[in-house]
C-alpha atoms as a PDB file:
ATOM      1  CA  MET A   1       0.000   0.000   0.000  1.00  0.00           C
ATOM      2  CA  VAL A   2       1.271   3.460  -0.899  1.00  0.00           C
ATOM      3  CA  ASN A   3      -0.538   6.278   0.896  1.00  0.00           C
ATOM      4  CA  ASP A   4      -0.103   9.974   0.105  1.00  0.00           C
ATOM      5  CA  LEU A   5      -2.527  12.891   0.205  1.00  0.00           C
ATOM      6  CA  GLY A   6      -0.704  14.482  -2.693  1.00  0.00           C
ATOM      7  CA  VAL A   7      -0.631  17.963  -1.175  1.00  0.00           C
ATOM      8  CA  GLU A   8       1.715  20.861  -1.913  1.00  0.00           C
ATOM      9  CA  ARG A   9       4.562  21.753   0.458  1.00  0.00           C
ATOM     10  CA  ASP A  10       2.303  24.172   2.333  1.00  0.00           C
ATOM     11  CA  GLY A  11      -0.369  21.514   2.818  1.00  0.00           C
ATOM     12  CA  THR A  12      -2.780  22.898   0.238  1.00  0.00           C
ATOM     13  CA  GLY A  13      -4.338  20.984  -2.633  1.00  0.00           C
ATOM     14  CA  ARG A  14      -4.837  17.284  -2.965  1.00  0.00           C
ATOM     15  CA  SER A  15      -4.047  14.721  -5.655  1.00  0.00           C
ATOM     16  CA  GLN A  16      -3.963  10.958  -6.037  1.00  0.00           C
ATOM     17  CA  GLU A  17      -1.117  11.222  -8.547  1.00  0.00           C
ATOM     18  CA  PRO A  18       1.906  10.852  -6.181  1.00  0.00           C
ATOM     19  CA  ALA A  19       0.582   7.622  -4.623  1.00  0.00           C
ATOM     20  CA  VAL A  20      -0.515   6.276  -7.999  1.00  0.00           C
ATOM     21  CA  GLN A  21       2.875   7.072  -9.537  1.00  0.00           C
ATOM     22  CA  VAL A  22       4.858   5.320  -6.790  1.00  0.00           C
ATOM     23  CA  ALA A  23       2.562   2.278  -6.905  1.00  0.00           C
ATOM     24  CA  ALA A  24       3.076   2.130 -10.674  1.00  0.00           C
ATOM     25  CA  GLU A  25       6.857   2.272 -10.243  1.00  0.00           C
ATOM     26  CA  ILE A  26       6.699  -0.661  -7.812  1.00  0.00           C
ATOM     27  CA  CYS A  27       4.606  -2.675 -10.246  1.00  0.00           C
ATOM     28  CA  ASP A  28       6.978  -1.819 -13.111  1.00  0.00           C
ATOM     29  CA  LEU A  29       9.813  -3.291 -11.032  1.00  0.00           C
ATOM     30  CA  GLY A  30       7.896  -6.542 -10.603  1.00  0.00           C
ATOM     31  CA  GLY A  31       6.226  -5.888  -7.274  1.00  0.00           C
ATOM     32  CA  GLN A  32       2.599  -5.503  -6.296  1.00  0.00           C
ATOM     33  CA  ALA A  33       1.246  -2.190  -5.061  1.00  0.00           C
ATOM     34  CA  VAL A  34      -2.039  -0.408  -4.444  1.00  0.00           C
ATOM     35  CA  ALA A  35      -2.349   3.365  -4.128  1.00  0.00           C
ATOM     36  CA  ALA A  36      -4.397   5.157  -1.481  1.00  0.00           C
ATOM     37  CA  ALA A  37      -4.968   8.874  -0.965  1.00  0.00           C
ATOM     38  CA  GLY A  38      -6.907   8.952   2.313  1.00  0.00           C
ATOM     39  CA  ASP A  39      -6.074  11.235   5.230  1.00  0.00           C
ATOM     40  CA  ILE A  40      -4.475   8.918   7.792  1.00  0.00           C
ATOM     41  CA  SER A  41      -4.589  11.648  10.452  1.00  0.00           C
ATOM     42  CA  THR A  42      -8.338  10.936  10.669  1.00  0.00           C
ATOM     43  CA  THR A  43      -9.940   7.830  12.149  1.00  0.00           C
ATOM     44  CA  ASP A  44     -11.813   6.984   8.962  1.00  0.00           C
ATOM     45  CA  GLY A  45      -8.758   7.520   6.751  1.00  0.00           C
ATOM     46  CA  ALA A  46      -6.474   5.376   8.901  1.00  0.00           C
ATOM     47  CA  ALA A  47      -9.037   2.597   9.282  1.00  0.00           C
ATOM     48  CA  ASP A  48      -9.657   2.575   5.538  1.00  0.00           C
ATOM     49  CA  LEU A  49      -5.927   2.311   4.831  1.00  0.00           C
ATOM     50  CA  ILE A  50      -5.523  -0.784   6.991  1.00  0.00           C
ATOM     51  CA  ARG A  51      -8.746  -2.337   5.716  1.00  0.00           C
ATOM     52  CA  THR A  52      -7.773  -1.745   2.085  1.00  0.00           C
ATOM     53  CA  ALA A  53      -4.340  -3.306   2.625  1.00  0.00           C
ATOM     54  CA  ILE A  54      -5.883  -6.440   4.125  1.00  0.00           C
ATOM     55  CA  ASP A  55      -8.491  -6.638   1.364  1.00  0.00           C
ATOM     56  CA  ALA A  56      -5.830  -6.247  -1.325  1.00  0.00           C
ATOM     57  CA  PHE A  57      -3.201  -8.622   0.050  1.00  0.00           C
ATOM     58  CA  GLY A  58      -5.023 -10.829   2.539  1.00  0.00           C
ATOM     59  CA  ARG A  59      -2.738  -9.952   5.440  1.00  0.00           C
ATOM     60  CA  LEU A  60      -0.823  -7.122   7.095  1.00  0.00           C
ATOM     61  CA  ASP A  61       2.842  -7.572   7.987  1.00  0.00           C
ATOM     62  CA  ILE A  62       4.578  -4.182   8.022  1.00  0.00           C
ATOM     63  CA  LEU A  63       3.456  -0.624   8.728  1.00  0.00           C
ATOM     64  CA  VAL A  64       5.787   2.277   7.900  1.00  0.00           C
ATOM     65  CA  ASN A  65       4.545   5.571   9.350  1.00  0.00           C
ATOM     66  CA  ASN A  66       6.072   8.548   7.569  1.00  0.00           C
ATOM     67  CA  ALA A  67       3.427  11.279   7.255  1.00  0.00           C
ATOM     68  CA  GLY A  68       4.602  14.817   7.841  1.00  0.00           C
ATOM     69  CA  PHE A  69       4.921  18.426   6.748  1.00  0.00           C
ATOM     70  CA  LEU A  70       6.343  21.661   8.146  1.00  0.00           C
ATOM     71  CA  ARG A  71       5.057  24.941   9.564  1.00  0.00           C
ATOM     72  CA  ASP A  72       8.324  26.390  10.865  1.00  0.00           C
ATOM     73  CA  ARG A  73       8.195  29.426  13.131  1.00  0.00           C
ATOM     74  CA  MET A  74      10.032  30.704  16.184  1.00  0.00           C
ATOM     75  CA  LEU A  75       7.917  30.045  19.284  1.00  0.00           C
ATOM     76  CA  VAL A  76       6.862  33.680  19.694  1.00  0.00           C
ATOM     77  CA  ASN A  77       5.477  33.670  16.135  1.00  0.00           C
ATOM     78  CA  LEU A  78       4.034  30.152  16.088  1.00  0.00           C
ATOM     79  CA  THR A  79       0.244  30.166  15.828  1.00  0.00           C
ATOM     80  CA  GLU A  80      -2.077  27.697  17.500  1.00  0.00           C
ATOM     81  CA  GLN A  81      -3.241  26.512  14.077  1.00  0.00           C
ATOM     82  CA  GLU A  82       0.360  25.890  12.965  1.00  0.00           C
ATOM     83  CA  TRP A  83       0.979  23.946  16.156  1.00  0.00           C
ATOM     84  CA  ASP A  84      -2.178  21.866  15.828  1.00  0.00           C
ATOM     85  CA  SER A  85      -1.746  21.058  12.150  1.00  0.00           C
ATOM     86  CA  VAL A  86       1.824  19.791  12.514  1.00  0.00           C
ATOM     87  CA  VAL A  87       1.016  17.718  15.607  1.00  0.00           C
ATOM     88  CA  ARG A  88      -2.053  16.300  13.825  1.00  0.00           C
ATOM     89  CA  VAL A  89      -0.211  15.225  10.682  1.00  0.00           C
ATOM     90  CA  HIS A  90       2.936  13.888  12.353  1.00  0.00           C
ATOM     91  CA  LEU A  91       1.829  12.536  15.712  1.00  0.00           C
ATOM     92  CA  THR A  92      -1.835  11.713  15.147  1.00  0.00           C
ATOM     93  CA  GLY A  93      -0.860  10.540  11.667  1.00  0.00           C
ATOM     94  CA  HIS A  94       1.357   7.948  13.352  1.00  0.00           C
ATOM     95  CA  PHE A  95      -1.029   7.034  16.153  1.00  0.00           C
ATOM     96  CA  LEU A  96      -4.132   6.249  14.107  1.00  0.00           C
ATOM     97  CA  PRO A  97      -2.607   3.855  11.522  1.00  0.00           C
ATOM     98  CA  LEU A  98      -0.718   2.177  14.367  1.00  0.00           C
ATOM     99  CA  LYS A  99      -3.907   1.854  16.420  1.00  0.00           C
ATOM    100  CA  HIS A 100      -5.886   0.258  13.598  1.00  0.00           C
ATOM    101  CA  ALA A 101      -3.022  -2.041  12.587  1.00  0.00           C
ATOM    102  CA  ALA A 102      -2.541  -3.115  16.204  1.00  0.00           C
ATOM    103  CA  THR A 103      -6.269  -3.801  16.554  1.00  0.00           C
ATOM    104  CA  HIS A 104      -6.072  -6.083  13.528  1.00  0.00           C
ATOM    105  CA  TRP A 105      -3.006  -7.939  14.829  1.00  0.00           C
ATOM    106  CA  ARG A 106      -4.588  -8.411  18.250  1.00  0.00           C
ATOM    107  CA  SER A 107      -7.675  -9.883  16.579  1.00  0.00           C
ATOM    108  CA  GLU A 108      -5.481 -12.265  14.603  1.00  0.00           C
ATOM    109  CA  VAL A 109      -3.791 -13.512  17.775  1.00  0.00           C
ATOM    110  CA  LYS A 110      -7.116 -13.933  19.557  1.00  0.00           C
ATOM    111  CA  ALA A 111      -8.340 -15.963  16.582  1.00  0.00           C
ATOM    112  CA  GLY A 112      -5.390 -18.334  17.050  1.00  0.00           C
ATOM    113  CA  ARG A 113      -3.346 -17.124  14.069  1.00  0.00           C
ATOM    114  CA  ASP A 114       0.364 -16.373  14.375  1.00  0.00           C
ATOM    115  CA  VAL A 115       1.500 -12.776  13.927  1.00  0.00           C
ATOM    116  CA  ASP A 116       5.044 -11.689  13.068  1.00  0.00           C
ATOM    117  CA  ALA A 117       4.647  -7.999  12.288  1.00  0.00           C
ATOM    118  CA  ARG A 118       6.759  -4.850  12.200  1.00  0.00           C
ATOM    119  CA  VAL A 119       6.107  -1.133  12.652  1.00  0.00           C
ATOM    120  CA  ILE A 120       8.665   1.471  11.592  1.00  0.00           C
ATOM    121  CA  ASN A 121       7.906   4.996  12.777  1.00  0.00           C
ATOM    122  CA  THR A 122       9.666   8.137  11.558  1.00  0.00           C
ATOM    123  CA  SER A 123      11.034  10.602  14.077  1.00  0.00           C
ATOM    124  CA  SER A 124      13.777  13.164  13.470  1.00  0.00           C
ATOM    125  CA  GLY A 125      16.937  14.593  14.944  1.00  0.00           C
ATOM    126  CA  ALA A 126      14.756  17.590  15.767  1.00  0.00           C
ATOM    127  CA  GLY A 127      12.579  15.359  17.945  1.00  0.00           C
ATOM    128  CA  LEU A 128      15.580  13.802  19.663  1.00  0.00           C
ATOM    129  CA  LEU A 129      17.634  16.945  20.271  1.00  0.00           C
ATOM    130  CA  GLY A 130      15.319  19.885  19.573  1.00  0.00           C
ATOM    131  CA  SER A 131      15.590  22.294  16.646  1.00  0.00           C
ATOM    132  CA  VAL A 132      15.455  26.087  16.622  1.00  0.00           C
ATOM    133  CA  GLY A 133      12.386  27.389  14.808  1.00  0.00           C
ATOM    134  CA  GLN A 134      10.681  23.995  14.844  1.00  0.00           C
ATOM    135  CA  GLY A 135       8.929  23.791  18.201  1.00  0.00           C
ATOM    136  CA  ASN A 136       5.800  22.182  16.748  1.00  0.00           C
ATOM    137  CA  TYR A 137       7.726  19.726  14.542  1.00  0.00           C
ATOM    138  CA  ALA A 138      10.229  18.809  17.261  1.00  0.00           C
ATOM    139  CA  ALA A 139       7.480  18.226  19.836  1.00  0.00           C
ATOM    140  CA  ALA A 140       5.552  15.992  17.420  1.00  0.00           C
ATOM    141  CA  LYS A 141       8.674  14.014  16.503  1.00  0.00           C
ATOM    142  CA  ALA A 142       9.575  13.591  20.183  1.00  0.00           C
ATOM    143  CA  GLY A 143       6.044  12.327  20.768  1.00  0.00           C
ATOM    144  CA  ILE A 144       6.577   9.734  18.045  1.00  0.00           C
ATOM    145  CA  VAL A 145       9.583   8.376  19.955  1.00  0.00           C
ATOM    146  CA  ALA A 146       7.513   8.048  23.138  1.00  0.00           C
ATOM    147  CA  LEU A 147       4.693   6.421  21.159  1.00  0.00           C
ATOM    148  CA  THR A 148       7.221   3.955  19.718  1.00  0.00           C
ATOM    149  CA  LEU A 149       8.413   2.951  23.185  1.00  0.00           C
ATOM    150  CA  VAL A 150       4.862   2.461  24.455  1.00  0.00           C
ATOM    151  CA  ALA A 151       3.781   0.488  21.383  1.00  0.00           C
ATOM    152  CA  ALA A 152       6.860  -1.741  21.560  1.00  0.00           C
ATOM    153  CA  ALA A 153       6.016  -2.635  25.163  1.00  0.00           C
ATOM    154  CA  GLU A 154       2.279  -3.101  24.596  1.00  0.00           C
ATOM    155  CA  LEU A 155       2.354  -5.006  21.304  1.00  0.00           C
ATOM    156  CA  ALA A 156       5.198  -7.449  21.961  1.00  0.00           C
ATOM    157  CA  ARG A 157       2.656  -9.962  23.294  1.00  0.00           C
ATOM    158  CA  TYR A 158       1.001  -9.971  19.864  1.00  0.00           C
ATOM    159  CA  GLY A 159       4.200 -10.654  17.924  1.00  0.00           C
ATOM    160  CA  VAL A 160       4.691  -7.039  16.830  1.00  0.00           C
ATOM    161  CA  ARG A 161       8.063  -5.275  16.885  1.00  0.00           C
ATOM    162  CA  VAL A 162       8.027  -1.456  16.873  1.00  0.00           C
ATOM    163  CA  ASN A 163      11.046   0.729  16.123  1.00  0.00           C
ATOM    164  CA  ALA A 164      11.693   4.255  14.889  1.00  0.00           C
ATOM    165  CA  ILE A 165      14.146   5.904  12.560  1.00  0.00           C
ATOM    166  CA  ALA A 166      15.426   9.480  12.602  1.00  0.00           C
ATOM    167  CA  PRO A 167      16.591  10.019   9.020  1.00  0.00           C
ATOM    168  CA  ALA A 168      18.396  12.917   7.392  1.00  0.00           C
ATOM    169  CA  ALA A 169      17.833  13.055   3.645  1.00  0.00           C
ATOM    170  CA  ARG A 170      16.862  15.318   0.786  1.00  0.00           C
ATOM    171  CA  THR A 171      13.076  15.568   0.567  1.00  0.00           C
ATOM    172  CA  ARG A 172      10.534  18.248  -0.253  1.00  0.00           C
ATOM    173  CA  MET A 173      10.594  19.157   3.445  1.00  0.00           C
ATOM    174  CA  THR A 174      14.369  19.582   3.722  1.00  0.00           C
ATOM    175  CA  GLU A 175      15.782  20.607   0.336  1.00  0.00           C
ATOM    176  CA  ASP A 176      14.909  24.283   0.869  1.00  0.00           C
ATOM    177  CA  LEU A 177      15.195  24.473   4.658  1.00  0.00           C
ATOM    178  CA  PHE A 178      18.749  23.046   4.645  1.00  0.00           C
ATOM    179  CA  ALA A 179      19.630  23.965   1.062  1.00  0.00           C
ATOM    180  CA  THR A 180      23.420  23.829   1.460  1.00  0.00           C
ATOM    181  CA  THR A 181      23.466  20.549   3.364  1.00  0.00           C
ATOM    182  CA  MET A 182      20.919  18.912   1.075  1.00  0.00           C
ATOM    183  CA  ALA A 183      22.461  20.028  -2.231  1.00  0.00           C
ATOM    184  CA  GLU A 184      23.366  17.218  -4.610  1.00  0.00           C
ATOM    185  CA  PRO A 185      27.146  16.683  -4.821  1.00  0.00           C
ATOM    186  CA  GLU A 186      29.215  16.571  -7.968  1.00  0.00           C
ATOM    187  CA  SER A 187      28.780  13.526 -10.168  1.00  0.00           C
ATOM    188  CA  GLY A 188      30.707  10.512  -8.891  1.00  0.00           C
ATOM    189  CA  THR A 189      30.686  11.669  -5.269  1.00  0.00           C
ATOM    190  CA  PHE A 190      28.727   9.768  -2.625  1.00  0.00           C
ATOM    191  CA  ASP A 191      25.424  11.559  -2.129  1.00  0.00           C
ATOM    192  CA  ARG A 192      24.968  11.463   1.639  1.00  0.00           C
ATOM    193  CA  MET A 193      21.556  13.079   1.443  1.00  0.00           C
ATOM    194  CA  ASP A 194      20.058  10.719  -1.129  1.00  0.00           C
ATOM    195  CA  PRO A 195      16.860   9.398   0.505  1.00  0.00           C
ATOM    196  CA  ALA A 196      17.672   5.987  -0.968  1.00  0.00           C
ATOM    197  CA  ASN A 197      20.360   5.711   1.729  1.00  0.00           C
ATOM    198  CA  VAL A 198      17.604   5.405   4.341  1.00  0.00           C
ATOM    199  CA  SER A 199      15.651   2.646   2.597  1.00  0.00           C
ATOM    200  CA  PRO A 200      17.909  -0.353   3.425  1.00  0.00           C
ATOM    201  CA  LEU A 201      17.455   0.205   7.168  1.00  0.00           C
ATOM    202  CA  VAL A 202      13.683   0.412   6.764  1.00  0.00           C
ATOM    203  CA  VAL A 203      13.727  -2.799   4.738  1.00  0.00           C
ATOM    204  CA  TRP A 204      15.794  -4.590   7.380  1.00  0.00           C
ATOM    205  CA  LEU A 205      13.595  -3.378  10.237  1.00  0.00           C
ATOM    206  CA  GLY A 206      10.660  -4.875   8.341  1.00  0.00           C
ATOM    207  CA  SER A 207      12.407  -8.211   7.875  1.00  0.00           C
ATOM    208  CA  ALA A 208      12.646 -11.415   9.898  1.00  0.00           C
ATOM    209  CA  GLY A 209      16.187 -10.403  10.853  1.00  0.00           C
ATOM    210  CA  SER A 210      14.840  -7.726  13.190  1.00  0.00           C
ATOM    211  CA  ALA A 211      12.820 -10.207  15.261  1.00  0.00           C
ATOM    212  CA  LYS A 212      14.726  -9.389  18.467  1.00  0.00           C
ATOM    213  CA  VAL A 213      14.882  -5.632  17.898  1.00  0.00           C
ATOM    214  CA  THR A 214      12.092  -3.496  19.332  1.00  0.00           C
ATOM    215  CA  GLY A 215      11.672  -0.188  21.119  1.00  0.00           C
ATOM    216  CA  ARG A 216      14.787   1.249  19.450  1.00  0.00           C
ATOM    217  CA  VAL A 217      15.479   4.503  17.625  1.00  0.00           C
ATOM    218  CA  PHE A 218      18.039   4.605  14.827  1.00  0.00           C
ATOM    219  CA  GLU A 219      19.486   7.780  13.363  1.00  0.00           C
ATOM    220  CA  VAL A 220      20.402   7.226   9.712  1.00  0.00           C
ATOM    221  CA  ASP A 221      22.033   9.489   7.163  1.00  0.00           C
ATOM    222  CA  GLY A 222      24.320   8.698   4.261  1.00  0.00           C
ATOM    223  CA  GLY A 223      26.304   5.617   5.229  1.00  0.00           C
ATOM    224  CA  ARG A 224      25.908   6.230   8.959  1.00  0.00           C
ATOM    225  CA  ILE A 225      23.604   4.338  11.330  1.00  0.00           C
ATOM    226  CA  CYS A 226      23.544   5.312  14.993  1.00  0.00           C
ATOM    227  CA  VAL A 227      21.594   3.723  17.837  1.00  0.00           C
ATOM    228  CA  MET A 228      20.148   6.664  19.727  1.00  0.00           C
ATOM    229  CA  GLU A 229      20.183   6.419  23.500  1.00  0.00           C
ATOM    230  CA  GLY A 230      17.458   8.556  25.005  1.00  0.00           C
ATOM    231  CA  TYR A 231      16.663   9.495  28.549  1.00  0.00           C
ATOM    232  CA  ARG A 232      18.431   7.239  31.025  1.00  0.00           C
ATOM    233  CA  HIS A 233      18.751   7.588  34.776  1.00  0.00           C
ATOM    234  CA  GLY A 234      21.848   9.662  35.503  1.00  0.00           C
ATOM    235  CA  PRO A 235      23.371  10.890  38.774  1.00  0.00           C
ATOM    236  CA  ALA A 236      20.917  10.967  41.691  1.00  0.00           C
ATOM    237  CA  ILE A 237      20.821  11.836  45.356  1.00  0.00           C
ATOM    238  CA  ASP A 238      18.105  10.466  47.633  1.00  0.00           C
ATOM    239  CA  LYS A 239      17.888  12.393  50.877  1.00  0.00           C
ATOM    240  CA  GLY A 240      15.284  10.078  52.311  1.00  0.00           C
ATOM    241  CA  ALA A 241      13.214  13.077  53.324  1.00  0.00           C
ATOM    242  CA  ARG A 242      11.661  16.167  51.761  1.00  0.00           C
ATOM    243  CA  TRP A 243      14.090  18.677  50.303  1.00  0.00           C
ATOM    244  CA  HIS A 244      14.087  22.306  51.403  1.00  0.00           C
ATOM    245  CA  ALA A 245      14.128  24.918  48.663  1.00  0.00           C
ATOM    246  CA  ASP A 246      17.300  26.548  49.969  1.00  0.00           C
ATOM    247  CA  GLU A 247      19.300  23.308  49.652  1.00  0.00           C
ATOM    248  CA  ILE A 248      18.122  22.356  46.163  1.00  0.00           C
ATOM    249  CA  GLY A 249      20.545  24.617  44.282  1.00  0.00           C
ATOM    250  CA  ALA A 250      23.764  23.111  45.617  1.00  0.00           C
ATOM    251  CA  THR A 251      22.341  19.625  45.142  1.00  0.00           C
ATOM    252  CA  ILE A 252      21.363  20.207  41.510  1.00  0.00           C
ATOM    253  CA  HIS A 253      24.752  21.720  40.682  1.00  0.00           C
ATOM    254  CA  ALA A 254      26.479  18.720  42.241  1.00  0.00           C
ATOM    255  CA  LEU A 255      24.347  16.349  40.163  1.00  0.00           C
ATOM    256  CA  LEU A 256      24.946  18.292  36.955  1.00  0.00           C
ATOM    257  CA  ALA A 257      28.702  18.257  37.554  1.00  0.00           C
ATOM    258  CA  ASN A 258      28.593  14.460  37.249  1.00  0.00           C
ATOM    259  CA  ALA A 259      26.009  14.276  34.465  1.00  0.00           C
ATOM    260  CA  THR A 260      26.639  13.852  30.746  1.00  0.00           C
ATOM    261  CA  PRO A 261      26.317  17.281  29.073  1.00  0.00           C
ATOM    262  CA  PRO A 262      23.369  17.581  26.668  1.00  0.00           C
ATOM    263  CA  GLU A 263      24.108  17.458  22.947  1.00  0.00           C
ATOM    264  CA  PRO A 264      23.668  20.587  20.821  1.00  0.00           C
ATOM    265  CA  VAL A 265      20.271  21.326  19.334  1.00  0.00           C
ATOM    266  CA  TYR A 266      19.863  19.574  15.968  1.00  0.00           C
ATOM    267  CA  GLY A 267      21.687  21.454  13.225  1.00  0.00           C
ATOM    268  CA  SER A 268      23.851  23.385  15.692  1.00  0.00           C
ATOM    269  CA  THR A 269      27.301  22.889  17.193  1.00  0.00           C
ATOM    270  CA  ALA A 270      26.723  25.119  20.208  1.00  0.00           C
ATOM    271  CA  ARG A 271      26.159  23.156  23.409  1.00  0.00           C
ATOM    272  CA  PRO A 272      23.644  24.570  25.922  1.00  0.00           C
ATOM    273  CA  ASN A 273      25.015  25.919  29.168  1.00  0.00           C
END
């Protein structure tokens, strides 16, 4: 199944052509594909996507969530509508297909049928480290990581493995925003930002080889794959009683002195103080 609303970069318009074109390319290469142009950030659109996939192929094995678009603004200029629309497309657009796919897989298990399924969600370096001017996008992408962890824990009993990727590649969303970084190199030079560099990891995460991998986030760009390590318990002090406000400062500074410094915001080299 290939799903795409076929909208412009600003979210306007709608066309079935992008999904139809990609499905046709898959078929031309000897595969089987069906196009869909429903809005998967709505309950009806997500349910229809999963139902259509099962009707077309008789089963559901892999779900790749990748819906997204941008409304970049500094926080003081970010409107409520720009916040809501980005969170809806990215985060809700991950949740609803995942919910309906998981409901199907749970039903299969309850009916006594074996399930060996995979979900690959798409986060971003912005969601893992933050990104200036992308508060709405970064928050949604961070939410996708948390959703991945929850789904991995909840769905393991049904034979479903859930992981996320944080790719960097040249797409309609990035080729203007990071024009210098995303520019195509001279002929014969390895194109680190070619989106095809991301595909092999997605394919592997959807394969039988990933059977023991779940609840993980992988950053991928060019020829680089990195296992991201998120929040972990760092230095701690347990007083065994309630803290007083006037003793908190010295305690926090002592903890921070032994903690790993945070990484720079995505796209920056400047570490926070």
